[in-house]
N, C-alpha and C. Protein backbone atom coordinates (compact mmCIF):
# COMPACT_ATOMS: atom_id res chain seq x y z
N MET A 1 13.72 13.12 -2.39
CA MET A 1 13.93 11.94 -2.45
C MET A 1 15.10 11.17 -3.34
N ARG A 2 15.25 11.76 -4.55
CA ARG A 2 16.28 11.09 -5.52
C ARG A 2 17.63 11.38 -4.82
N ILE A 3 17.77 12.52 -4.14
CA ILE A 3 19.02 13.01 -3.47
C ILE A 3 19.39 11.78 -2.34
N ARG A 4 18.38 11.54 -1.48
CA ARG A 4 18.73 10.51 -0.40
C ARG A 4 18.88 9.20 -1.02
N ILE A 5 18.37 8.75 -2.03
CA ILE A 5 18.37 7.54 -2.70
C ILE A 5 19.96 7.51 -3.05
N ALA A 6 20.45 8.44 -3.84
CA ALA A 6 21.78 8.47 -4.48
C ALA A 6 22.68 8.57 -3.52
N ALA A 7 22.43 9.21 -2.40
CA ALA A 7 23.27 9.57 -1.20
C ALA A 7 23.66 8.00 -0.47
N ALA A 8 22.55 7.43 -0.40
CA ALA A 8 22.38 6.11 0.23
C ALA A 8 23.41 4.91 -0.72
N ALA A 9 23.15 5.10 -1.94
CA ALA A 9 23.97 4.44 -2.88
C ALA A 9 25.40 4.68 -2.92
N LEU A 10 25.75 5.82 -2.84
CA LEU A 10 27.07 6.25 -3.03
C LEU A 10 27.73 5.69 -1.46
N ALA A 11 26.87 5.73 -0.54
CA ALA A 11 27.49 5.51 0.89
C ALA A 11 27.76 3.79 0.93
N ALA A 12 26.91 3.26 0.35
CA ALA A 12 26.75 1.81 0.22
C ALA A 12 28.05 1.20 -0.87
N ALA A 13 28.28 1.99 -1.90
CA ALA A 13 29.49 1.49 -2.77
C ALA A 13 30.72 2.11 -2.22
N ALA A 14 30.83 2.94 -1.26
CA ALA A 14 31.93 3.36 -0.49
C ALA A 14 32.29 2.33 0.38
N LEU A 15 31.23 1.72 1.34
CA LEU A 15 31.53 0.69 2.12
C LEU A 15 32.11 -0.48 1.64
N LEU A 16 31.38 -0.93 0.39
CA LEU A 16 31.81 -1.94 -0.19
C LEU A 16 33.24 -1.75 -0.89
N THR A 17 33.69 -0.71 -1.07
CA THR A 17 35.00 -0.49 -1.76
C THR A 17 35.98 -0.92 -0.49
N LEU A 18 35.68 -0.20 0.53
CA LEU A 18 36.48 -0.26 1.74
C LEU A 18 36.62 -1.78 2.28
N ALA A 19 35.43 -2.47 2.18
CA ALA A 19 35.48 -3.73 2.58
C ALA A 19 36.29 -4.51 1.60
N ALA A 20 36.37 -4.50 0.44
CA ALA A 20 36.98 -5.09 -0.65
C ALA A 20 38.52 -4.79 -0.36
N CYS A 21 38.95 -3.72 0.04
CA CYS A 21 40.22 -3.24 0.26
C CYS A 21 40.75 -4.00 1.50
N SER A 22 40.04 -4.21 2.35
CA SER A 22 40.35 -4.79 3.56
C SER A 22 40.61 -6.03 3.47
N ASP A 23 40.03 -7.04 2.60
CA ASP A 23 39.95 -8.13 2.35
C ASP A 23 41.35 -8.50 1.87
N LYS A 24 41.74 -7.61 0.87
CA LYS A 24 43.13 -8.00 0.30
C LYS A 24 44.36 -7.89 1.49
N ASP A 25 44.16 -7.35 2.54
CA ASP A 25 45.26 -6.91 3.75
C ASP A 25 45.01 -8.38 4.65
N THR A 26 44.37 -9.16 4.57
CA THR A 26 44.11 -10.26 5.56
C THR A 26 44.57 -11.47 4.87
N ASP A 27 44.85 -12.29 5.68
CA ASP A 27 45.33 -13.67 5.44
C ASP A 27 44.49 -14.52 4.28
N SER A 28 45.18 -14.79 3.12
CA SER A 28 44.40 -15.30 1.85
C SER A 28 43.85 -16.53 2.38
N LYS A 29 44.27 -17.33 3.47
CA LYS A 29 43.99 -18.76 3.78
C LYS A 29 42.98 -18.75 4.91
N ALA A 30 42.55 -17.59 5.20
CA ALA A 30 41.52 -17.39 6.14
C ALA A 30 40.26 -17.67 5.50
N PRO A 31 38.99 -18.37 6.12
CA PRO A 31 37.81 -18.52 5.39
C PRO A 31 37.22 -17.31 5.29
N LYS A 32 36.54 -17.02 4.01
CA LYS A 32 35.86 -16.03 3.97
C LYS A 32 34.41 -16.07 4.25
N THR A 33 33.76 -15.04 5.14
CA THR A 33 32.44 -15.24 5.47
C THR A 33 31.61 -14.63 4.19
N PRO A 34 30.65 -15.10 3.86
CA PRO A 34 29.55 -14.54 2.75
C PRO A 34 29.01 -13.29 3.15
N ALA A 35 29.04 -12.27 2.39
CA ALA A 35 28.57 -10.99 2.66
C ALA A 35 26.90 -11.07 2.88
N ALA A 36 26.63 -10.35 3.63
CA ALA A 36 25.09 -10.17 3.97
C ALA A 36 24.21 -9.84 2.92
N THR A 37 23.25 -10.58 2.77
CA THR A 37 22.45 -10.12 1.53
C THR A 37 21.10 -9.50 2.12
N PRO A 38 20.63 -8.28 1.50
CA PRO A 38 19.49 -7.80 2.01
C PRO A 38 18.11 -8.65 1.96
N THR A 39 17.52 -8.59 3.06
CA THR A 39 16.29 -9.32 2.89
C THR A 39 15.14 -8.35 2.25
N ALA A 40 13.92 -9.11 1.67
CA ALA A 40 12.83 -8.37 1.22
C ALA A 40 12.04 -7.74 2.24
N VAL A 41 11.52 -6.69 1.94
CA VAL A 41 10.61 -6.30 3.06
C VAL A 41 9.25 -6.87 2.76
N ASP A 42 8.82 -7.46 3.85
CA ASP A 42 7.32 -7.99 3.64
C ASP A 42 6.10 -6.95 3.67
N THR A 43 5.89 -6.31 2.72
CA THR A 43 4.84 -5.38 2.63
C THR A 43 3.59 -5.79 2.89
N ALA A 44 3.18 -7.06 2.29
CA ALA A 44 2.02 -7.72 2.57
C ALA A 44 1.89 -7.84 4.09
N GLY A 45 2.64 -8.47 4.84
CA GLY A 45 2.65 -8.50 6.00
C GLY A 45 2.25 -7.29 6.92
N MET A 46 2.99 -6.01 6.50
CA MET A 46 2.83 -4.80 7.37
C MET A 46 1.64 -4.16 6.91
N GLU A 47 1.20 -4.52 5.89
CA GLU A 47 -0.22 -3.76 5.28
C GLU A 47 -1.31 -4.73 6.00
N ALA A 48 -1.25 -5.78 6.31
CA ALA A 48 -2.16 -6.77 6.89
C ALA A 48 -2.05 -6.15 8.64
N ASP A 49 -0.86 -5.74 8.86
CA ASP A 49 -0.95 -5.51 10.57
C ASP A 49 -1.56 -4.09 10.56
N LEU A 50 -1.73 -3.37 9.29
CA LEU A 50 -2.28 -1.89 9.73
C LEU A 50 -3.90 -2.11 9.17
N GLY A 51 -4.19 -3.28 8.88
CA GLY A 51 -5.74 -3.32 8.48
C GLY A 51 -5.96 -3.17 6.98
N ILE A 52 -5.02 -3.09 6.13
CA ILE A 52 -5.15 -2.99 4.85
C ILE A 52 -5.29 -4.48 4.19
N PRO A 53 -6.38 -4.61 3.64
CA PRO A 53 -6.62 -6.09 3.11
C PRO A 53 -5.77 -6.17 1.85
N SER A 54 -5.57 -7.48 1.27
CA SER A 54 -4.77 -7.71 -0.08
C SER A 54 -5.67 -7.09 -1.26
N LYS A 55 -5.20 -7.03 -2.16
CA LYS A 55 -5.76 -6.36 -3.41
C LYS A 55 -6.56 -7.61 -4.11
N PRO A 56 -8.04 -7.34 -4.42
CA PRO A 56 -8.71 -8.23 -4.65
C PRO A 56 -8.31 -8.56 -6.12
N THR A 57 -8.62 -10.13 -6.76
CA THR A 57 -8.39 -10.14 -7.75
C THR A 57 -9.79 -10.95 -8.31
N GLY A 58 -9.64 -11.17 -9.84
CA GLY A 58 -10.89 -12.05 -10.26
C GLY A 58 -12.26 -11.57 -9.97
N THR A 59 -13.08 -12.59 -9.14
CA THR A 59 -14.43 -12.44 -9.21
C THR A 59 -14.47 -11.35 -7.82
N ALA A 60 -13.46 -11.46 -6.80
CA ALA A 60 -13.73 -10.48 -5.75
C ALA A 60 -13.52 -9.10 -6.18
N LEU A 61 -12.69 -8.88 -7.00
CA LEU A 61 -12.48 -7.48 -7.70
C LEU A 61 -13.83 -7.12 -8.56
N LYS A 62 -14.30 -7.93 -9.38
CA LYS A 62 -15.54 -7.75 -10.08
C LYS A 62 -16.63 -7.38 -9.08
N LEU A 63 -16.88 -8.19 -7.77
CA LEU A 63 -17.75 -7.82 -6.86
C LEU A 63 -17.54 -6.61 -6.13
N TYR A 64 -16.23 -6.22 -5.72
CA TYR A 64 -16.05 -4.85 -5.19
C TYR A 64 -16.28 -3.68 -6.11
N LEU A 65 -15.95 -3.94 -7.13
CA LEU A 65 -16.15 -2.76 -8.16
C LEU A 65 -17.54 -2.53 -8.47
N ALA A 66 -18.34 -3.70 -8.63
CA ALA A 66 -19.86 -3.52 -8.89
C ALA A 66 -20.45 -2.95 -7.76
N ALA A 67 -20.17 -3.15 -6.53
CA ALA A 67 -20.53 -2.55 -5.15
C ALA A 67 -20.23 -0.98 -5.24
N VAL A 68 -19.29 -0.73 -5.33
CA VAL A 68 -18.69 0.73 -5.32
C VAL A 68 -19.40 1.50 -6.35
N THR A 69 -19.56 1.01 -7.42
CA THR A 69 -20.27 1.58 -8.77
C THR A 69 -21.55 1.85 -8.61
N ALA A 70 -22.15 0.83 -7.68
CA ALA A 70 -23.53 0.83 -7.68
C ALA A 70 -23.96 2.12 -6.52
N VAL A 71 -23.21 2.46 -5.82
CA VAL A 71 -23.38 3.68 -5.00
C VAL A 71 -23.09 5.12 -5.90
N ASP A 72 -22.51 5.11 -6.97
CA ASP A 72 -22.24 6.22 -7.62
C ASP A 72 -21.40 5.87 -9.11
N PRO A 73 -22.32 5.67 -9.96
CA PRO A 73 -21.97 5.18 -11.38
C PRO A 73 -20.80 5.78 -11.89
N SER A 74 -20.58 7.17 -11.49
CA SER A 74 -19.51 8.02 -12.09
C SER A 74 -18.08 7.54 -11.61
N LEU A 75 -18.17 6.81 -10.51
CA LEU A 75 -16.87 6.34 -10.13
C LEU A 75 -16.32 5.55 -11.02
N LYS A 76 -17.25 4.54 -11.75
CA LYS A 76 -16.60 3.79 -12.91
C LYS A 76 -15.77 4.36 -13.86
N LEU A 77 -15.75 5.82 -13.99
CA LEU A 77 -15.02 6.52 -14.73
C LEU A 77 -13.49 6.56 -14.20
N ASP A 78 -13.20 6.30 -13.01
CA ASP A 78 -11.91 6.16 -12.34
C ASP A 78 -11.30 4.87 -12.61
N THR A 79 -10.08 4.93 -12.46
CA THR A 79 -9.23 3.69 -12.80
C THR A 79 -9.66 2.47 -11.80
N ASP A 80 -9.69 1.32 -12.34
CA ASP A 80 -9.91 0.34 -11.24
C ASP A 80 -8.79 0.43 -10.12
N SER A 81 -7.62 0.52 -10.42
CA SER A 81 -6.58 0.54 -9.59
C SER A 81 -6.52 1.68 -8.29
N SER A 82 -7.10 2.76 -8.87
CA SER A 82 -7.50 3.82 -7.69
C SER A 82 -8.35 3.49 -6.92
N LEU A 83 -9.67 2.99 -7.46
CA LEU A 83 -10.70 2.60 -6.87
C LEU A 83 -10.38 1.56 -5.59
N VAL A 84 -9.36 0.69 -6.12
CA VAL A 84 -8.84 -0.47 -5.16
C VAL A 84 -7.91 0.12 -4.11
N ASP A 85 -7.37 1.10 -4.55
CA ASP A 85 -6.43 1.95 -3.59
C ASP A 85 -7.14 2.45 -2.48
N ALA A 86 -7.99 3.23 -2.93
CA ALA A 86 -9.09 4.05 -2.02
C ALA A 86 -9.80 2.97 -1.01
N GLY A 87 -10.32 1.78 -1.64
CA GLY A 87 -11.04 0.92 -0.84
C GLY A 87 -10.14 0.19 0.18
N ARG A 88 -9.01 0.01 -0.43
CA ARG A 88 -7.97 -0.56 0.76
C ARG A 88 -7.85 0.28 1.83
N ASN A 89 -7.46 1.47 1.72
CA ASN A 89 -7.33 2.48 2.39
C ASN A 89 -8.45 2.81 3.44
N GLN A 90 -9.53 2.78 2.80
CA GLN A 90 -10.86 3.02 3.65
C GLN A 90 -10.79 1.86 4.49
N CYS A 91 -10.60 0.64 4.28
CA CYS A 91 -10.55 -0.41 5.13
C CYS A 91 -9.63 -0.07 6.51
N MET A 92 -8.63 0.38 6.07
CA MET A 92 -7.68 0.34 7.01
C MET A 92 -8.21 1.75 8.36
N ALA A 93 -8.95 2.61 7.69
CA ALA A 93 -9.73 3.57 8.45
C ALA A 93 -10.77 2.85 9.25
N LEU A 94 -11.51 2.12 8.51
CA LEU A 94 -12.67 1.36 9.32
C LEU A 94 -12.32 0.48 10.32
N ARG A 95 -10.99 -0.21 10.53
CA ARG A 95 -10.37 -1.23 11.15
C ARG A 95 -9.79 -0.12 12.32
N GLY A 96 -9.34 0.94 11.89
CA GLY A 96 -8.74 1.58 13.03
C GLY A 96 -9.49 2.65 13.83
N GLY A 97 -10.74 2.60 13.62
CA GLY A 97 -11.90 3.23 14.22
C GLY A 97 -11.93 4.66 14.03
N ALA A 98 -11.76 5.08 12.55
CA ALA A 98 -11.55 6.40 12.35
C ALA A 98 -13.03 7.29 12.88
N GLN A 99 -12.50 8.55 12.89
CA GLN A 99 -13.56 9.47 13.36
C GLN A 99 -14.30 9.83 12.15
N ASN A 100 -15.68 9.61 12.21
CA ASN A 100 -16.40 10.04 10.99
C ASN A 100 -16.24 9.28 9.61
N PRO A 101 -16.32 7.86 9.86
CA PRO A 101 -15.84 7.17 8.37
C PRO A 101 -16.56 7.55 7.15
N ASP A 102 -17.89 7.97 7.41
CA ASP A 102 -18.66 8.13 6.27
C ASP A 102 -18.22 9.37 5.55
N HIS A 103 -17.79 10.42 6.06
CA HIS A 103 -17.34 11.37 5.63
C HIS A 103 -15.99 11.25 5.14
N LEU A 104 -15.16 10.57 5.69
CA LEU A 104 -13.72 10.21 5.18
C LEU A 104 -13.82 9.15 3.95
N ALA A 105 -14.81 8.34 3.74
CA ALA A 105 -15.14 7.74 2.55
C ALA A 105 -15.62 8.62 1.29
N ALA A 106 -16.32 9.61 1.62
CA ALA A 106 -16.86 10.44 0.74
C ALA A 106 -15.63 11.35 0.26
N GLU A 107 -14.79 11.80 1.14
CA GLU A 107 -13.51 12.38 0.45
C GLU A 107 -12.54 11.43 -0.19
N ARG A 108 -12.38 10.08 0.36
CA ARG A 108 -11.53 9.41 -0.15
C ARG A 108 -11.85 8.92 -1.67
N PHE A 109 -13.03 8.89 -1.70
CA PHE A 109 -13.60 8.33 -3.26
C PHE A 109 -13.98 9.52 -4.32
N GLY A 110 -14.53 10.57 -3.63
CA GLY A 110 -14.72 11.95 -4.40
C GLY A 110 -13.53 12.55 -4.64
N ASN A 111 -13.85 13.72 -5.54
CA ASN A 111 -12.70 14.80 -5.85
C ASN A 111 -13.49 15.86 -6.13
N ASP A 112 -12.54 17.07 -6.36
CA ASP A 112 -13.03 18.23 -6.55
C ASP A 112 -14.17 18.47 -7.65
N ALA A 113 -13.77 17.78 -8.65
CA ALA A 113 -14.88 17.64 -9.82
C ALA A 113 -16.04 17.04 -9.73
N HIS A 114 -16.06 15.93 -8.71
CA HIS A 114 -17.17 15.14 -8.36
C HIS A 114 -17.27 14.89 -6.87
N PRO A 115 -17.55 16.01 -5.99
CA PRO A 115 -17.71 15.58 -4.56
C PRO A 115 -18.83 14.55 -4.36
N LEU A 116 -18.34 13.61 -3.29
CA LEU A 116 -19.54 12.73 -2.79
C LEU A 116 -20.12 13.38 -1.34
N THR A 117 -21.19 12.82 -1.13
CA THR A 117 -21.73 13.15 0.29
C THR A 117 -21.58 12.22 1.22
N ASP A 118 -21.83 12.44 2.48
CA ASP A 118 -21.63 11.60 3.75
C ASP A 118 -22.50 10.45 3.39
N ALA A 119 -23.78 10.72 2.87
CA ALA A 119 -24.62 9.52 2.71
C ALA A 119 -24.06 8.48 1.57
N GLN A 120 -23.39 9.16 0.67
CA GLN A 120 -22.75 8.10 -0.29
C GLN A 120 -21.54 7.50 0.51
N GLY A 121 -20.79 8.19 1.21
CA GLY A 121 -19.56 7.63 2.03
C GLY A 121 -20.28 6.51 2.87
N LYS A 122 -21.35 6.65 3.52
CA LYS A 122 -21.95 5.66 4.44
C LYS A 122 -22.26 4.16 3.51
N ALA A 123 -22.81 4.51 2.30
CA ALA A 123 -23.20 3.46 1.39
C ALA A 123 -21.78 2.91 0.78
N LEU A 124 -20.68 3.65 0.69
CA LEU A 124 -19.56 3.04 0.01
C LEU A 124 -18.97 2.16 1.35
N ASN A 125 -18.98 2.69 2.63
CA ASN A 125 -18.42 1.73 3.88
C ASN A 125 -19.32 0.42 3.65
N ALA A 126 -20.50 0.59 3.58
CA ALA A 126 -21.41 -0.74 3.79
C ALA A 126 -20.84 -1.72 2.36
N ALA A 127 -20.71 -1.24 1.18
CA ALA A 127 -20.22 -1.88 0.12
C ALA A 127 -18.92 -2.41 0.64
N LEU A 128 -17.90 -1.62 1.21
CA LEU A 128 -16.69 -2.13 1.63
C LEU A 128 -16.87 -3.38 2.55
N ARG A 129 -17.58 -3.07 3.55
CA ARG A 129 -17.93 -4.10 4.61
C ARG A 129 -18.41 -5.28 3.94
N ALA A 130 -19.26 -5.32 2.73
CA ALA A 130 -19.82 -6.74 2.15
C ALA A 130 -18.48 -7.13 1.26
N THR A 131 -17.66 -6.54 0.86
CA THR A 131 -16.69 -6.96 -0.15
C THR A 131 -15.40 -7.03 0.15
N LEU A 132 -14.81 -5.72 0.38
CA LEU A 132 -13.32 -5.76 0.29
C LEU A 132 -12.69 -6.15 1.90
N CYS A 133 -13.60 -5.45 2.97
CA CYS A 133 -12.96 -5.55 4.16
C CYS A 133 -14.33 -5.86 5.19
N PRO A 134 -14.70 -7.19 5.31
CA PRO A 134 -15.68 -7.61 6.29
C PRO A 134 -15.26 -7.37 7.62
N GLN A 135 -16.08 -7.49 8.54
CA GLN A 135 -15.76 -7.10 9.72
C GLN A 135 -15.36 -8.46 10.44
């Protein structure tokens, strides 16, 4: 991945160098057009299109974390950000019509050290529907 980024940066630098050289050869009285500026990628819009809700904050975050840890208090040992990421991804699965979403939730929120059951996955999906990704 780093190699691809470095290669892209080198290619961009080479293009800019060539563009700068070609500007010197043109008539200096000709109006110069401003260089195109890269546009920011609208990741929030892309996430919404995929069914991923925005990250909860404040009271919404507290309600979500309380609902998830009510299913299994050991989930509280996980970081809040990883619980939020797991929930947002599970919302995408729920909205996308995933096969066996209860099992998927159990896998997404559980781990090898603390696996969750499909029944807990079902409860997690109910908690998600009540907080982070209502229908």
